[in-house]
Amino acid sequence: MHELGVVIEVVKTVENFAIRNKLTKIDTIVLQIGELSSMIPKYIEECYPAAVDGTMLEDTKLKVEILPGNVICKNCNKVYNLLQNRKECPYCKNSVWELLSGKEFLIKEIVAY
């Protein structure tokens, strides 16, 4: 499960950010994960407690936002969700598309108080 290594890197990144900005208490970390990324949100959430154990983020909450896997049809230029439509444009039935979103893995927000 590569998610644990990724979450540990997120924790290090947030800790470094907190130190640089003299933040003493982080409440919530918000991650954005694309539904087409290699990260599985459920595994990220399951790894989080182990990754923050013994760190300054031990009492923080994790919030995960799923970003849709949207594409644009190269034939009719309509935007649609790739997974929901089984890789085929629901408007013109073409299967040639360009990816717009869904591969992301981002730290969207660090909520401190």
C-alpha atoms as a PDB file:
ATOM      1  CA  MET A   1       0.000   0.000   0.000  1.00  0.00           C
ATOM      2  CA  HIS A   2       1.861   3.094  -1.241  1.00  0.00           C
ATOM      3  CA  GLU A   3      -0.715   5.389   0.353  1.00  0.00           C
ATOM      4  CA  LEU A   4       1.063   5.210   3.736  1.00  0.00           C
ATOM      5  CA  GLY A   5       4.290   6.593   2.264  1.00  0.00           C
ATOM      6  CA  VAL A   6       2.367   9.363   0.531  1.00  0.00           C
ATOM      7  CA  VAL A   7       0.481  10.291   3.715  1.00  0.00           C
ATOM      8  CA  ILE A   8       3.763  10.375   5.662  1.00  0.00           C
ATOM      9  CA  GLU A   9       5.108  12.852   3.076  1.00  0.00           C
ATOM     10  CA  VAL A  10       1.935  14.952   3.439  1.00  0.00           C
ATOM     11  CA  VAL A  11       2.455  15.004   7.219  1.00  0.00           C
ATOM     12  CA  LYS A  12       6.092  16.112   6.790  1.00  0.00           C
ATOM     13  CA  THR A  13       5.044  18.823   4.340  1.00  0.00           C
ATOM     14  CA  VAL A  14       2.347  20.163   6.662  1.00  0.00           C
ATOM     15  CA  GLU A  15       4.684  20.044   9.682  1.00  0.00           C
ATOM     16  CA  ASN A  16       7.333  22.011   7.772  1.00  0.00           C
ATOM     17  CA  PHE A  17       4.696  24.526   6.682  1.00  0.00           C
ATOM     18  CA  ALA A  18       3.506  24.894  10.296  1.00  0.00           C
ATOM     19  CA  ILE A  19       7.050  25.429  11.590  1.00  0.00           C
ATOM     20  CA  ARG A  20       7.906  27.988   8.881  1.00  0.00           C
ATOM     21  CA  ASN A  21       4.713  29.906   9.628  1.00  0.00           C
ATOM     22  CA  LYS A  22       4.936  29.583  13.416  1.00  0.00           C
ATOM     23  CA  LEU A  23       1.666  27.673  13.669  1.00  0.00           C
ATOM     24  CA  THR A  24       1.283  25.773  16.924  1.00  0.00           C
ATOM     25  CA  LYS A  25      -2.067  24.069  16.401  1.00  0.00           C
ATOM     26  CA  ILE A  26      -3.425  22.542  13.200  1.00  0.00           C
ATOM     27  CA  ASP A  27      -7.084  21.540  13.309  1.00  0.00           C
ATOM     28  CA  THR A  28      -7.755  20.053   9.871  1.00  0.00           C
ATOM     29  CA  ILE A  29      -5.902  19.076   6.716  1.00  0.00           C
ATOM     30  CA  VAL A  30      -7.957  19.044   3.528  1.00  0.00           C
ATOM     31  CA  LEU A  31      -6.737  16.858   0.669  1.00  0.00           C
ATOM     32  CA  GLN A  32      -8.102  16.808  -2.854  1.00  0.00           C
ATOM     33  CA  ILE A  33      -7.809  13.460  -4.607  1.00  0.00           C
ATOM     34  CA  GLY A  34      -8.797  12.941  -8.225  1.00  0.00           C
ATOM     35  CA  GLU A  35     -10.974   9.922  -8.876  1.00  0.00           C
ATOM     36  CA  LEU A  36      -8.522   8.887 -11.617  1.00  0.00           C
ATOM     37  CA  SER A  37      -5.408   9.207  -9.449  1.00  0.00           C
ATOM     38  CA  SER A  38      -3.515   6.203  -8.164  1.00  0.00           C
ATOM     39  CA  MET A  39      -4.446   7.132  -4.581  1.00  0.00           C
ATOM     40  CA  ILE A  40      -7.396   5.371  -2.980  1.00  0.00           C
ATOM     41  CA  PRO A  41      -9.181   7.798  -0.619  1.00  0.00           C
ATOM     42  CA  LYS A  42     -10.316   5.039   1.755  1.00  0.00           C
ATOM     43  CA  TYR A  43      -6.705   3.873   2.200  1.00  0.00           C
ATOM     44  CA  ILE A  44      -5.498   7.460   2.683  1.00  0.00           C
ATOM     45  CA  GLU A  45      -8.042   7.884   5.497  1.00  0.00           C
ATOM     46  CA  GLU A  46      -7.082   4.538   7.043  1.00  0.00           C
ATOM     47  CA  CYS A  47      -3.340   5.364   6.961  1.00  0.00           C
ATOM     48  CA  TYR A  48      -3.745   8.845   8.402  1.00  0.00           C
ATOM     49  CA  PRO A  49      -3.870   7.922  12.134  1.00  0.00           C
ATOM     50  CA  ALA A  50      -0.644   5.890  11.849  1.00  0.00           C
ATOM     51  CA  ALA A  51       1.090   8.646   9.858  1.00  0.00           C
ATOM     52  CA  VAL A  52       0.300  11.398  12.409  1.00  0.00           C
ATOM     53  CA  ASP A  53       0.941   9.266  15.515  1.00  0.00           C
ATOM     54  CA  GLY A  54       3.606  10.970  17.634  1.00  0.00           C
ATOM     55  CA  THR A  55       3.740  14.095  15.457  1.00  0.00           C
ATOM     56  CA  MET A  56       2.495  17.626  16.018  1.00  0.00           C
ATOM     57  CA  LEU A  57      -0.481  16.657  13.822  1.00  0.00           C
ATOM     58  CA  GLU A  58      -1.596  13.818  16.073  1.00  0.00           C
ATOM     59  CA  ASP A  59      -4.890  15.499  17.000  1.00  0.00           C
ATOM     60  CA  THR A  60      -5.728  16.859  13.554  1.00  0.00           C
ATOM     61  CA  LYS A  61      -8.668  15.853  11.409  1.00  0.00           C
ATOM     62  CA  LEU A  62      -8.348  14.773   7.800  1.00  0.00           C
ATOM     63  CA  LYS A  63     -10.914  15.798   5.212  1.00  0.00           C
ATOM     64  CA  VAL A  64     -10.781  14.294   1.728  1.00  0.00           C
ATOM     65  CA  GLU A  65     -12.480  15.871  -1.268  1.00  0.00           C
ATOM     66  CA  ILE A  66     -12.858  13.758  -4.399  1.00  0.00           C
ATOM     67  CA  LEU A  67     -12.300  15.582  -7.686  1.00  0.00           C
ATOM     68  CA  PRO A  68     -14.197  14.209 -10.695  1.00  0.00           C
ATOM     69  CA  GLY A  69     -12.439  12.603 -13.634  1.00  0.00           C
ATOM     70  CA  ASN A  70     -13.675  14.992 -16.289  1.00  0.00           C
ATOM     71  CA  VAL A  71     -12.689  14.942 -19.938  1.00  0.00           C
ATOM     72  CA  ILE A  72     -13.581  16.935 -23.020  1.00  0.00           C
ATOM     73  CA  CYS A  73     -14.724  15.126 -26.134  1.00  0.00           C
ATOM     74  CA  LYS A  74     -12.401  15.715 -29.093  1.00  0.00           C
ATOM     75  CA  ASN A  75     -15.376  15.397 -31.461  1.00  0.00           C
ATOM     76  CA  CYS A  76     -18.179  17.538 -29.961  1.00  0.00           C
ATOM     77  CA  ASN A  77     -16.209  19.524 -27.313  1.00  0.00           C
ATOM     78  CA  LYS A  78     -18.615  18.588 -24.494  1.00  0.00           C
ATOM     79  CA  VAL A  79     -17.302  17.919 -20.990  1.00  0.00           C
ATOM     80  CA  TYR A  80     -18.296  14.673 -19.270  1.00  0.00           C
ATOM     81  CA  ASN A  81     -17.221  12.342 -16.468  1.00  0.00           C
ATOM     82  CA  LEU A  82     -15.012   9.604 -17.844  1.00  0.00           C
ATOM     83  CA  LEU A  83     -15.886   6.902 -15.317  1.00  0.00           C
ATOM     84  CA  GLN A  84     -19.620   7.507 -15.246  1.00  0.00           C
ATOM     85  CA  ASN A  85     -19.782   7.236 -19.012  1.00  0.00           C
ATOM     86  CA  ARG A  86     -17.477   4.245 -19.477  1.00  0.00           C
ATOM     87  CA  LYS A  87     -14.951   6.290 -21.459  1.00  0.00           C
ATOM     88  CA  GLU A  88     -17.506   7.173 -24.156  1.00  0.00           C
ATOM     89  CA  CYS A  89     -18.997  10.601 -24.796  1.00  0.00           C
ATOM     90  CA  PRO A  90     -22.671  10.510 -23.781  1.00  0.00           C
ATOM     91  CA  TYR A  91     -23.455  13.171 -26.388  1.00  0.00           C
ATOM     92  CA  CYS A  92     -21.866  11.831 -29.580  1.00  0.00           C
ATOM     93  CA  LYS A  93     -20.632   8.350 -28.535  1.00  0.00           C
ATOM     94  CA  ASN A  94     -17.035   9.198 -29.501  1.00  0.00           C
ATOM     95  CA  SER A  95     -14.264   7.690 -27.368  1.00  0.00           C
ATOM     96  CA  VAL A  96     -11.511  10.197 -28.151  1.00  0.00           C
ATOM     97  CA  TRP A  97     -11.103  12.679 -25.314  1.00  0.00           C
ATOM     98  CA  GLU A  98      -8.659  14.928 -23.471  1.00  0.00           C
ATOM     99  CA  LEU A  99      -8.295  14.771 -19.696  1.00  0.00           C
ATOM    100  CA  LEU A 100      -9.323  17.935 -17.818  1.00  0.00           C
ATOM    101  CA  SER A 101      -9.260  16.782 -14.189  1.00  0.00           C
ATOM    102  CA  GLY A 102      -9.158  13.757 -11.949  1.00  0.00           C
ATOM    103  CA  LYS A 103      -5.467  12.848 -11.570  1.00  0.00           C
ATOM    104  CA  GLU A 104      -4.789  15.391  -8.806  1.00  0.00           C
ATOM    105  CA  PHE A 105      -3.461  14.768  -5.321  1.00  0.00           C
ATOM    106  CA  LEU A 106      -3.229  18.095  -3.515  1.00  0.00           C
ATOM    107  CA  ILE A 107      -3.047  19.587  -0.072  1.00  0.00           C
ATOM    108  CA  LYS A 108      -5.911  22.024  -0.551  1.00  0.00           C
ATOM    109  CA  GLU A 109      -6.094  23.577   2.883  1.00  0.00           C
ATOM    110  CA  ILE A 110      -4.444  23.620   6.293  1.00  0.00           C
ATOM    111  CA  VAL A 111      -6.842  24.872   8.940  1.00  0.00           C
ATOM    112  CA  ALA A 112      -4.991  26.297  11.925  1.00  0.00           C
ATOM    113  CA  TYR A 113      -6.078  28.078  15.065  1.00  0.00           C
END
